[in-house]
């Protein structure tokens, strides 16, 4: 046995898709990943997270143990972690972070020499690696330590690449989105706020009556997307937007949002409302509120509009069920599928139906179903849904949401979260440009063309109003 082996400095590095300030947040998320690793466990102590890696060569005793205690070197903007190693191997590992090509290079370095007695204790058990004189090769010893460091680093990389990143990672820059439509807002904002609060109180919807910040701002969204609507129409639209955002919140972070069967049971009374049942006295406040909105809207608009509004709600509910199927197995949907389904789950078509109500117009079915009008509506729906996705990752990733275009693009492209944000913003601008081109090709010789032009203008206001509201709302995190 040779006791004076000089263990050279050992470096292991891996590029992890996270800014340096968020690496420690990744460490805090390690436990569910590392539980599946055969040699690694994670425990929490009062001093922080402890990563324990245990290795043996198929039955040797004692095994090689690395007990890793991460410590942040700079709390505000960590640039490194110090890990104390004990067990059969003792020493110190320094992790350093260095930005590189949009990622962070994480380097683990064994920076202090190991005591000779530790080398002997470990090397004496490495029978398979000993030569005839009983000497242990330095390469075998180095490989043992490297295996432990690499396992932890690989687990970090796996967490970063295969799972939605921790909420602390969703802080990326959102570039300015070029939108040619004017930014406007209704002068009736205060009256709409007061109405929706009183309406919610009457129906017992406590979350809207006394809402958190994100829901409190729905009347403002209403006044941004319908700046010229009369007050009565604004109030009805505000009630629906408040209801649908609350409905979305009610599903996303709950077990119901991952259980399609339970969710279908929850949807049954809402579907019954669409079939004409009067459920304003239902035990669930959300059902009572929906029944009230449906009754008021139906009294306002003609039968053709009512049929379309009901159909779009069924499609919206089907979209939310599709999202629930994705959440259960933590399944990130394919990009092409997501683009198609996202418009349904975003509820843009029933929202656009309310744009008709707000402008007191009803497109005839033959015009509404024309290819150019359908394409216009799809482009507007994409812009609105994807804008929501760009601004909402911080909120949604806090409860593991996979139904987000930024997450889908990140998974599809194998790129960083920031790169995915940039790409989705470019796609939003492309859809706005496509919407503008489609607007110029709308029919001009059909009956009801005046309503069609008003409808196209209403979609423009929806696009711009939603963009402005997304930038200023606290619903998705700290506003710009």
Protein backbone atom coordinates (compact mmCIF):
# COMPACT_ATOMS: atom_id res chain seq x y z
CA UNK A 1 0.00 0.00 0.00
CA UNK A 2 1.42 3.36 -1.01
CA UNK A 3 0.52 6.08 1.46
CA UNK A 4 1.91 9.10 -0.34
CA UNK A 5 -0.42 9.17 -3.33
CA UNK A 6 -0.83 12.78 -4.38
CA UNK A 7 -4.51 13.20 -5.17
CA UNK A 8 -4.46 15.80 -7.89
CA UNK A 9 -7.13 18.44 -7.98
CA UNK A 10 -10.26 16.91 -9.38
CA UNK A 11 -12.58 19.00 -11.52
CA UNK A 12 -16.05 18.06 -12.63
CA UNK A 13 -18.17 20.52 -14.52
CA UNK A 14 -21.55 20.63 -16.17
CA UNK A 15 -23.58 23.41 -17.77
CA UNK A 16 -26.82 23.94 -15.87
CA UNK A 17 -29.62 26.02 -17.32
CA UNK A 18 -29.98 28.51 -14.49
CA UNK A 19 -28.52 31.85 -13.47
CA UNK A 20 -25.97 31.66 -10.64
CA UNK A 21 -28.38 33.11 -8.09
CA UNK A 22 -30.69 30.15 -8.57
CA UNK A 23 -28.27 27.22 -8.22
CA UNK A 24 -28.87 27.05 -4.49
CA UNK A 25 -32.62 26.93 -5.18
CA UNK A 26 -31.91 23.90 -7.37
CA UNK A 27 -30.09 22.22 -4.51
CA UNK A 28 -33.12 22.75 -2.32
CA UNK A 29 -35.22 20.94 -4.94
CA UNK A 30 -32.93 17.89 -5.16
CA UNK A 31 -34.67 15.46 -2.81
CA UNK A 32 -37.37 14.03 -5.12
CA UNK A 33 -34.81 13.49 -7.89
CA UNK A 34 -32.05 12.01 -5.79
CA UNK A 35 -34.40 9.61 -4.04
CA UNK A 36 -34.30 7.62 -7.26
CA UNK A 37 -30.49 7.54 -7.39
CA UNK A 38 -29.11 4.29 -5.96
CA UNK A 39 -26.16 5.85 -4.16
CA UNK A 40 -27.49 9.23 -3.08
CA UNK A 41 -29.81 10.57 -0.40
CA UNK A 42 -30.73 14.08 0.63
CA UNK A 43 -31.66 15.19 4.12
CA UNK A 44 -32.62 18.56 5.55
CA UNK A 45 -31.03 19.84 8.75
CA UNK A 46 -31.19 23.11 10.64
CA UNK A 47 -28.00 24.08 8.84
CA UNK A 48 -29.38 23.37 5.38
CA UNK A 49 -29.41 20.58 2.80
CA UNK A 50 -27.06 17.60 3.19
CA UNK A 51 -26.31 15.40 0.18
CA UNK A 52 -24.88 11.97 1.07
CA UNK A 53 -23.29 9.84 -1.63
CA UNK A 54 -22.27 6.26 -0.74
CA UNK A 55 -20.24 4.09 -3.08
CA UNK A 56 -18.80 0.61 -2.92
CA UNK A 57 -17.32 -1.76 -5.45
CA UNK A 58 -19.98 -4.44 -5.15
CA UNK A 59 -19.66 -5.54 -1.57
CA UNK A 60 -16.57 -3.91 -0.10
CA UNK A 61 -16.78 -2.64 3.42
CA UNK A 62 -16.33 0.13 4.42
CA UNK A 63 -17.95 1.95 1.54
CA UNK A 64 -16.85 5.36 0.36
CA UNK A 65 -19.11 8.12 1.70
CA UNK A 66 -19.24 11.77 0.71
CA UNK A 67 -21.36 13.85 3.05
CA UNK A 68 -21.95 17.17 1.32
CA UNK A 69 -23.04 20.27 3.26
CA UNK A 70 -23.63 23.12 0.80
CA UNK A 71 -23.07 26.63 2.08
CA UNK A 72 -23.77 29.74 0.02
CA UNK A 73 -20.78 32.04 -0.17
CA UNK A 74 -22.82 35.12 -1.09
CA UNK A 75 -26.44 35.22 0.01
CA UNK A 76 -27.51 38.03 -2.31
CA UNK A 77 -25.86 36.72 -5.47
CA UNK A 78 -24.15 33.38 -4.81
CA UNK A 79 -21.05 32.78 -6.86
CA UNK A 80 -20.04 29.54 -5.19
CA UNK A 81 -20.86 26.85 -2.68
CA UNK A 82 -18.57 25.25 -0.13
CA UNK A 83 -19.17 21.56 0.57
CA UNK A 84 -17.58 19.84 3.54
CA UNK A 85 -16.85 16.16 2.90
CA UNK A 86 -16.60 13.62 5.69
CA UNK A 87 -17.21 9.91 6.14
CA UNK A 88 -14.57 7.69 4.58
CA UNK A 89 -13.38 10.60 2.47
CA UNK A 90 -12.70 13.96 4.07
CA UNK A 91 -11.90 17.26 2.55
CA UNK A 92 -13.54 20.27 0.96
CA UNK A 93 -15.14 20.79 -2.41
CA UNK A 94 -15.61 24.27 -3.83
CA UNK A 95 -18.33 24.79 -6.40
CA UNK A 96 -17.97 27.88 -8.56
CA UNK A 97 -20.43 29.38 -11.01
CA UNK A 98 -19.53 31.08 -14.25
CA UNK A 99 -21.93 32.35 -16.92
CA UNK A 100 -21.30 30.83 -20.30
CA UNK A 101 -23.39 30.96 -23.49
CA UNK A 102 -26.63 31.64 -21.71
CA UNK A 103 -26.08 28.87 -19.18
CA UNK A 104 -24.11 28.57 -15.97
CA UNK A 105 -20.96 26.49 -15.81
CA UNK A 106 -20.91 24.76 -12.43
CA UNK A 107 -17.50 23.45 -11.44
CA UNK A 108 -16.87 21.17 -8.47
CA UNK A 109 -13.23 21.19 -7.38
CA UNK A 110 -11.59 19.03 -4.69
CA UNK A 111 -9.36 21.81 -3.44
CA UNK A 112 -7.78 20.43 -0.26
CA UNK A 113 -5.44 17.41 -0.11
CA UNK A 114 -6.76 14.30 1.56
CA UNK A 115 -4.99 12.82 4.58
CA UNK A 116 -2.82 9.80 3.82
CA UNK A 117 -4.72 7.67 6.35
CA UNK A 118 -7.93 8.38 4.46
CA UNK A 119 -6.32 7.30 1.22
CA UNK A 120 -5.12 4.10 2.87
CA UNK A 121 -8.53 3.33 4.38
CA UNK A 122 -10.25 3.73 1.06
CA UNK A 123 -7.53 2.19 -1.06
CA UNK A 124 -7.21 -0.88 1.13
CA UNK A 125 -10.72 -1.91 0.20
CA UNK A 126 -10.25 -1.47 -3.51
CA UNK A 127 -9.03 -5.01 -4.04
CA UNK A 128 -10.02 -5.08 -7.69
CA UNK A 129 -7.87 -2.06 -8.41
CA UNK A 130 -4.78 -3.17 -6.46
CA UNK A 131 -1.70 -4.34 -8.27
CA UNK A 132 0.40 -7.31 -7.19
CA UNK A 133 2.38 -5.21 -4.71
CA UNK A 134 -0.82 -4.08 -3.02
CA UNK A 135 -0.52 -0.58 -4.38
CA UNK A 136 -3.72 1.21 -5.26
CA UNK A 137 -3.70 3.10 -8.50
CA UNK A 138 -4.21 6.80 -8.21
CA UNK A 139 -6.67 6.65 -11.12
CA UNK A 140 -8.94 4.30 -9.18
CA UNK A 141 -8.97 6.58 -6.18
CA UNK A 142 -9.59 9.68 -8.30
CA UNK A 143 -12.37 7.89 -10.17
CA UNK A 144 -14.09 7.10 -6.87
CA UNK A 145 -14.24 10.72 -5.84
CA UNK A 146 -15.20 11.83 -9.32
CA UNK A 147 -18.10 9.39 -9.32
CA UNK A 148 -19.54 10.98 -6.22
CA UNK A 149 -19.18 14.53 -7.45
CA UNK A 150 -20.47 13.64 -10.88
CA UNK A 151 -23.58 11.95 -9.48
CA UNK A 152 -24.59 15.11 -7.65
CA UNK A 153 -23.85 17.31 -10.65
CA UNK A 154 -25.71 15.01 -13.01
CA UNK A 155 -28.70 15.04 -10.70
CA UNK A 156 -28.68 18.83 -10.78
CA UNK A 157 -28.54 18.77 -14.56
CA UNK A 158 -31.37 16.23 -14.72
CA UNK A 159 -33.50 18.39 -12.48
CA UNK A 160 -32.80 21.40 -14.65
CA UNK A 161 -33.49 19.70 -17.99
CA UNK A 162 -36.37 17.34 -17.28
CA UNK A 163 -38.50 19.17 -14.75
CA UNK A 164 -40.07 22.62 -14.69
CA UNK A 165 -37.52 24.86 -13.00
CA UNK A 166 -38.09 26.18 -9.50
CA UNK A 167 -40.08 29.38 -9.22
CA UNK A 168 -36.91 31.31 -8.50
CA UNK A 169 -35.66 30.50 -12.00
CA UNK A 170 -38.69 32.10 -13.66
CA UNK A 171 -37.39 35.66 -13.43
CA UNK A 172 -36.09 36.08 -16.93
CA UNK A 173 -36.18 39.20 -19.03
CA UNK A 174 -39.34 39.70 -21.11
CA UNK A 175 -38.46 41.75 -24.19
CA UNK A 176 -40.77 44.46 -25.47
CA UNK A 177 -43.41 43.02 -27.79
CA UNK A 178 -44.10 45.20 -30.81
CA UNK A 179 -47.85 45.77 -31.09
CA UNK A 180 -49.20 48.43 -33.49
CA UNK A 181 -52.63 48.78 -31.87
CA UNK A 182 -53.37 51.73 -29.53
CA UNK A 183 -53.47 51.32 -25.76
CA UNK A 184 -56.81 52.51 -24.35
CA UNK A 185 -58.92 52.12 -21.22
CA UNK A 186 -62.54 52.77 -20.36
CA UNK A 187 -63.39 55.71 -18.08
CA UNK A 188 -65.83 53.44 -16.16
CA UNK A 189 -63.16 51.51 -14.23
CA UNK A 190 -64.21 52.52 -10.71
CA UNK A 191 -67.88 51.77 -11.42
CA UNK A 192 -66.97 48.35 -12.82
CA UNK A 193 -64.86 47.54 -9.76
CA UNK A 194 -67.72 48.46 -7.44
CA UNK A 195 -70.25 46.45 -9.45
CA UNK A 196 -68.20 43.24 -9.58
CA UNK A 197 -67.50 43.42 -5.84
CA UNK A 198 -71.23 43.87 -5.07
CA UNK A 199 -72.21 41.12 -7.54
CA UNK A 200 -69.80 38.67 -5.93
CA UNK A 201 -71.10 39.56 -2.47
CA UNK A 202 -74.70 38.87 -3.52
CA UNK A 203 -73.77 35.45 -4.91
CA UNK A 204 -71.44 34.51 -2.06
CA UNK A 205 -68.24 34.34 -4.15
CA UNK A 206 -65.86 35.42 -1.43
CA UNK A 207 -62.73 35.22 -3.60
CA UNK A 208 -64.14 37.89 -5.96
CA UNK A 209 -65.84 39.96 -3.28
CA UNK A 210 -62.59 40.30 -1.33
CA UNK A 211 -60.04 39.20 -3.91
CA UNK A 212 -56.28 38.77 -3.77
CA UNK A 213 -54.27 41.15 -5.92
CA UNK A 214 -54.38 39.01 -9.06
CA UNK A 215 -58.18 38.75 -9.11
CA UNK A 216 -58.76 42.33 -7.96
CA UNK A 217 -57.36 43.56 -11.26
CA UNK A 218 -59.84 41.77 -13.53
CA UNK A 219 -62.13 44.82 -13.85
CA UNK A 220 -59.08 46.69 -15.13
CA UNK A 221 -58.51 44.00 -17.76
CA UNK A 222 -62.15 44.42 -18.77
CA UNK A 223 -61.78 48.16 -19.19
CA UNK A 224 -58.58 47.73 -21.20
CA UNK A 225 -59.97 45.18 -23.67
CA UNK A 226 -63.36 46.91 -24.05
CA UNK A 227 -62.51 50.62 -23.80
CA UNK A 228 -65.66 51.82 -25.61
CA UNK A 229 -68.29 49.44 -24.21
CA UNK A 230 -71.28 50.79 -22.25
CA UNK A 231 -71.21 50.35 -18.48
CA UNK A 232 -73.78 47.53 -18.36
CA UNK A 233 -71.81 45.47 -20.87
CA UNK A 234 -68.56 46.19 -19.03
CA UNK A 235 -70.08 44.93 -15.79
CA UNK A 236 -71.21 41.67 -17.35
CA UNK A 237 -67.83 41.13 -19.01
CA UNK A 238 -66.00 41.93 -15.77
CA UNK A 239 -68.10 39.36 -13.91
CA UNK A 240 -67.25 36.68 -16.48
CA UNK A 241 -63.52 37.48 -16.53
CA UNK A 242 -63.43 37.42 -12.73
CA UNK A 243 -65.30 34.12 -12.77
CA UNK A 244 -63.10 32.44 -15.38
CA UNK A 245 -59.83 33.50 -13.74
CA UNK A 246 -61.12 32.24 -10.39
CA UNK A 247 -62.19 28.99 -12.07
CA UNK A 248 -58.67 28.67 -13.48
CA UNK A 249 -57.16 29.23 -10.03
CA UNK A 250 -59.58 26.76 -8.50
CA UNK A 251 -58.25 23.99 -10.71
CA UNK A 252 -54.55 24.65 -11.33
CA UNK A 253 -52.97 24.20 -7.88
CA UNK A 254 -55.42 21.60 -6.56
CA UNK A 255 -55.72 17.83 -6.74
CA UNK A 256 -58.82 18.35 -8.88
CA UNK A 257 -56.60 20.00 -11.49
CA UNK A 258 -54.66 16.73 -11.89
CA UNK A 259 -57.64 14.36 -11.71
CA UNK A 260 -59.73 14.46 -14.92
CA UNK A 261 -62.46 12.25 -13.44
CA UNK A 262 -62.92 14.47 -10.38
CA UNK A 263 -62.75 17.52 -12.59
CA UNK A 264 -65.45 16.13 -14.89
CA UNK A 265 -67.76 15.72 -11.91
CA UNK A 266 -67.08 19.33 -10.98
CA UNK A 267 -67.91 20.46 -14.54
CA UNK A 268 -71.26 18.64 -14.74
CA UNK A 269 -73.41 21.42 -13.20
CA UNK A 270 -71.67 24.03 -15.39
CA UNK A 271 -72.50 21.98 -18.47
CA UNK A 272 -76.07 21.66 -17.19
CA UNK A 273 -76.32 25.46 -17.13
CA UNK A 274 -75.41 25.50 -20.82
CA UNK A 275 -78.28 23.07 -21.45
CA UNK A 276 -80.76 25.50 -19.93
CA UNK A 277 -80.96 24.41 -16.30
CA UNK A 278 -81.40 27.24 -13.82
CA UNK A 279 -78.81 26.68 -11.10
CA UNK A 280 -78.57 30.15 -9.55
CA UNK A 281 -79.43 28.53 -6.24
CA UNK A 282 -76.74 25.84 -6.49
CA UNK A 283 -74.71 25.09 -3.35
CA UNK A 284 -71.40 25.95 -5.02
CA UNK A 285 -70.75 29.69 -5.42
CA UNK A 286 -68.86 29.17 -8.69
CA UNK A 287 -71.89 27.41 -10.19
CA UNK A 288 -74.28 30.10 -8.94
CA UNK A 289 -72.10 32.82 -10.43
CA UNK A 290 -71.80 31.05 -13.78
CA UNK A 291 -75.57 30.50 -13.95
CA UNK A 292 -76.16 34.19 -13.27
CA UNK A 293 -73.72 35.28 -15.98
CA UNK A 294 -75.27 32.85 -18.47
CA UNK A 295 -78.80 34.06 -17.76
CA UNK A 296 -77.88 37.74 -18.11
CA UNK A 297 -75.87 37.19 -21.31
CA UNK A 298 -78.62 35.06 -22.87
CA UNK A 299 -81.23 37.75 -22.16
CA UNK A 300 -78.95 40.28 -23.89
CA UNK A 301 -77.97 38.40 -27.07
CA UNK A 302 -79.87 36.55 -29.83
CA UNK A 303 -80.14 32.72 -30.10
CA UNK A 304 -77.35 32.37 -32.67
CA UNK A 305 -74.94 34.08 -30.28
CA UNK A 306 -76.18 31.98 -27.35
CA UNK A 307 -75.51 28.76 -29.27
CA UNK A 308 -71.99 29.93 -30.10
CA UNK A 309 -71.30 31.06 -26.52
CA UNK A 310 -72.43 27.66 -25.21
CA UNK A 311 -70.32 25.74 -27.74
CA UNK A 312 -67.22 27.76 -26.92
CA UNK A 313 -67.70 27.08 -23.21
CA UNK A 314 -67.91 23.33 -23.87
CA UNK A 315 -64.66 23.61 -25.84
CA UNK A 316 -63.11 25.63 -23.03
CA UNK A 317 -64.06 23.01 -20.44
CA UNK A 318 -62.66 20.30 -22.73
CA UNK A 319 -59.41 22.28 -22.90
CA UNK A 320 -59.17 22.43 -19.12
CA UNK A 321 -59.67 18.65 -18.98
CA UNK A 322 -56.83 18.22 -21.46
CA UNK A 323 -54.59 20.29 -19.21
CA UNK A 324 -55.55 18.09 -16.25
CA UNK A 325 -54.45 14.99 -18.21
CA UNK A 326 -51.06 16.65 -18.74
CA UNK A 327 -50.59 17.54 -15.08
CA UNK A 328 -51.26 14.07 -13.72
CA UNK A 329 -48.19 12.35 -15.21
CA UNK A 330 -46.23 15.63 -15.40
CA UNK A 331 -46.46 15.37 -19.20
CA UNK A 332 -45.15 18.30 -21.23
CA UNK A 333 -47.28 18.31 -24.40
CA UNK A 334 -45.89 18.36 -27.92
CA UNK A 335 -45.50 21.80 -29.41
CA UNK A 336 -47.99 21.37 -32.28
CA UNK A 337 -50.61 19.87 -29.98
CA UNK A 338 -50.12 22.59 -27.40
CA UNK A 339 -50.67 25.39 -29.92
CA UNK A 340 -54.00 23.90 -30.96
CA UNK A 341 -55.25 23.05 -27.48
CA UNK A 342 -53.99 26.17 -25.74
CA UNK A 343 -56.58 28.40 -27.40
CA UNK A 344 -59.32 26.18 -26.01
CA UNK A 345 -57.91 26.08 -22.49
CA UNK A 346 -57.30 29.84 -22.53
CA UNK A 347 -60.99 30.48 -23.17
CA UNK A 348 -60.29 33.01 -25.92
CA UNK A 349 -63.35 32.11 -28.01
CA UNK A 350 -65.93 32.74 -25.24
CA UNK A 351 -63.99 35.93 -24.44
CA UNK A 352 -64.29 37.00 -28.07
CA UNK A 353 -68.01 36.25 -27.92
CA UNK A 354 -68.18 38.74 -25.08
CA UNK A 355 -66.38 41.22 -27.35
CA UNK A 356 -69.46 40.97 -29.62
CA UNK A 357 -71.70 41.60 -26.63
CA UNK A 358 -69.60 44.58 -25.57
CA UNK A 359 -69.91 46.10 -29.06
CA UNK A 360 -73.59 45.07 -29.40
CA UNK A 361 -72.90 43.13 -32.59
CA UNK A 362 -73.60 39.57 -33.68
CA UNK A 363 -71.75 38.09 -36.63
CA UNK A 364 -74.03 35.96 -38.83
CA UNK A 365 -72.98 32.28 -38.79
CA UNK A 366 -71.92 32.30 -42.46
CA UNK A 367 -69.51 35.19 -41.82
CA UNK A 368 -68.33 33.94 -38.43
CA UNK A 369 -67.39 30.57 -39.94
CA UNK A 370 -65.56 31.93 -42.98
CA UNK A 371 -61.98 30.77 -43.30
CA UNK A 372 -60.52 34.29 -43.13
CA UNK A 373 -62.51 35.18 -40.02
CA UNK A 374 -61.63 31.89 -38.33
CA UNK A 375 -57.93 32.45 -39.10
CA UNK A 376 -58.17 35.99 -37.69
CA UNK A 377 -59.72 34.69 -34.49
CA UNK A 378 -57.09 31.95 -34.17
CA UNK A 379 -54.24 34.45 -34.58
CA UNK A 380 -55.74 36.72 -31.92
CA UNK A 381 -56.27 33.73 -29.62
CA UNK A 382 -52.66 32.64 -30.03
CA UNK A 383 -51.37 36.12 -29.19
CA UNK A 384 -53.49 36.36 -26.04
CA UNK A 385 -52.76 32.82 -24.81
CA UNK A 386 -49.02 33.06 -25.48
CA UNK A 387 -48.80 36.50 -23.88
CA UNK A 388 -50.30 34.95 -20.75
CA UNK A 389 -47.70 32.17 -20.95
CA UNK A 390 -44.79 34.60 -21.27
CA UNK A 391 -45.79 36.56 -18.18
CA UNK A 392 -46.99 33.70 -15.98
CA UNK A 393 -44.15 31.12 -15.59
CA UNK A 394 -43.15 32.41 -12.15
CA UNK A 395 -46.70 31.90 -10.86
CA UNK A 396 -47.38 28.63 -12.65
CA UNK A 397 -44.05 26.90 -12.04
CA UNK A 398 -44.49 27.44 -8.32
CA UNK A 399 -46.97 24.56 -8.41
CA UNK A 400 -45.38 22.53 -11.22
CA UNK A 401 -47.57 23.66 -14.11
CA UNK A 402 -46.54 22.10 -17.44
CA UNK A 403 -49.22 23.77 -19.58
CA UNK A 404 -47.22 26.82 -20.59
CA UNK A 405 -45.80 27.62 -24.04
CA UNK A 406 -42.47 28.76 -22.58
CA UNK A 407 -42.07 25.40 -20.83
CA UNK A 408 -43.15 23.56 -24.01
CA UNK A 409 -40.64 25.44 -26.20
CA UNK A 410 -37.89 24.97 -23.63
CA UNK A 411 -38.51 21.23 -23.59
CA UNK A 412 -38.90 20.99 -27.39
CA UNK A 413 -35.78 23.02 -28.22
CA UNK A 414 -33.60 21.87 -25.32
CA UNK A 415 -32.83 25.54 -24.72
CA UNK A 416 -32.72 27.73 -21.64
CA UNK A 417 -35.83 29.21 -20.06
CA UNK A 418 -34.70 32.68 -21.12
CA UNK A 419 -34.17 31.55 -24.70
CA UNK A 420 -37.65 30.04 -24.69
CA UNK A 421 -39.12 33.35 -23.51
CA UNK A 422 -37.36 35.16 -26.35
CA UNK A 423 -38.63 32.65 -28.90
CA UNK A 424 -42.24 32.82 -27.69
CA UNK A 425 -42.12 36.63 -27.78
CA UNK A 426 -40.94 36.44 -31.39
CA UNK A 427 -43.80 34.07 -32.17
CA UNK A 428 -46.24 36.51 -30.56
CA UNK A 429 -44.99 39.28 -32.82
CA UNK A 430 -45.28 36.96 -35.83
CA UNK A 431 -48.93 36.24 -34.93
CA UNK A 432 -49.67 39.96 -34.50
CA UNK A 433 -48.21 40.54 -37.97
CA UNK A 434 -50.30 37.66 -39.35
CA UNK A 435 -53.40 39.11 -37.69
CA UNK A 436 -52.72 42.46 -39.38
CA UNK A 437 -52.31 40.83 -42.78
CA UNK A 438 -55.50 38.78 -42.32
CA UNK A 439 -57.39 41.93 -41.33
CA UNK A 440 -56.54 43.45 -44.69
CA UNK A 441 -58.05 40.44 -46.50
CA UNK A 442 -61.41 40.40 -44.72
CA UNK A 443 -64.44 40.36 -47.06
CA UNK A 444 -65.79 43.79 -47.88
CA UNK A 445 -68.87 42.92 -49.93
CA UNK A 446 -70.87 40.79 -47.54
CA UNK A 447 -73.94 41.65 -45.52
CA UNK A 448 -72.97 42.45 -41.97
CA UNK A 449 -69.57 43.78 -43.06
CA UNK A 450 -69.91 46.68 -40.66
CA UNK A 451 -70.21 44.23 -37.78
CA UNK A 452 -67.23 42.32 -39.13
CA UNK A 453 -65.05 45.44 -39.11
CA UNK A 454 -66.20 46.20 -35.57
CA UNK A 455 -65.39 42.61 -34.59
CA UNK A 456 -61.89 42.89 -36.06
CA UNK A 457 -61.32 46.13 -34.16
CA UNK A 458 -62.58 44.48 -30.96
CA UNK A 459 -59.98 41.71 -31.37
CA UNK A 460 -57.27 44.34 -31.85
CA UNK A 461 -58.26 45.93 -28.55
CA UNK A 462 -58.25 42.52 -26.87
CA UNK A 463 -54.69 41.88 -28.09
CA UNK A 464 -53.34 45.25 -26.95
CA UNK A 465 -55.40 45.47 -23.78
CA UNK A 466 -54.32 42.02 -22.62
CA UNK A 467 -50.67 42.84 -23.36
CA UNK A 468 -50.79 46.06 -21.33
CA UNK A 469 -52.65 44.39 -18.47
CA UNK A 470 -50.17 41.49 -18.39
CA UNK A 471 -47.30 43.94 -17.99
CA UNK A 472 -48.93 45.85 -15.13
CA UNK A 473 -50.80 43.18 -13.16
CA UNK A 474 -49.51 41.63 -9.95
CA UNK A 475 -51.21 38.35 -10.86
CA UNK A 476 -48.07 36.96 -12.50
CA UNK A 477 -45.55 38.39 -10.07
CA UNK A 478 -44.03 41.80 -9.57
CA UNK A 479 -45.14 44.15 -12.36
CA UNK A 480 -42.55 45.83 -14.55
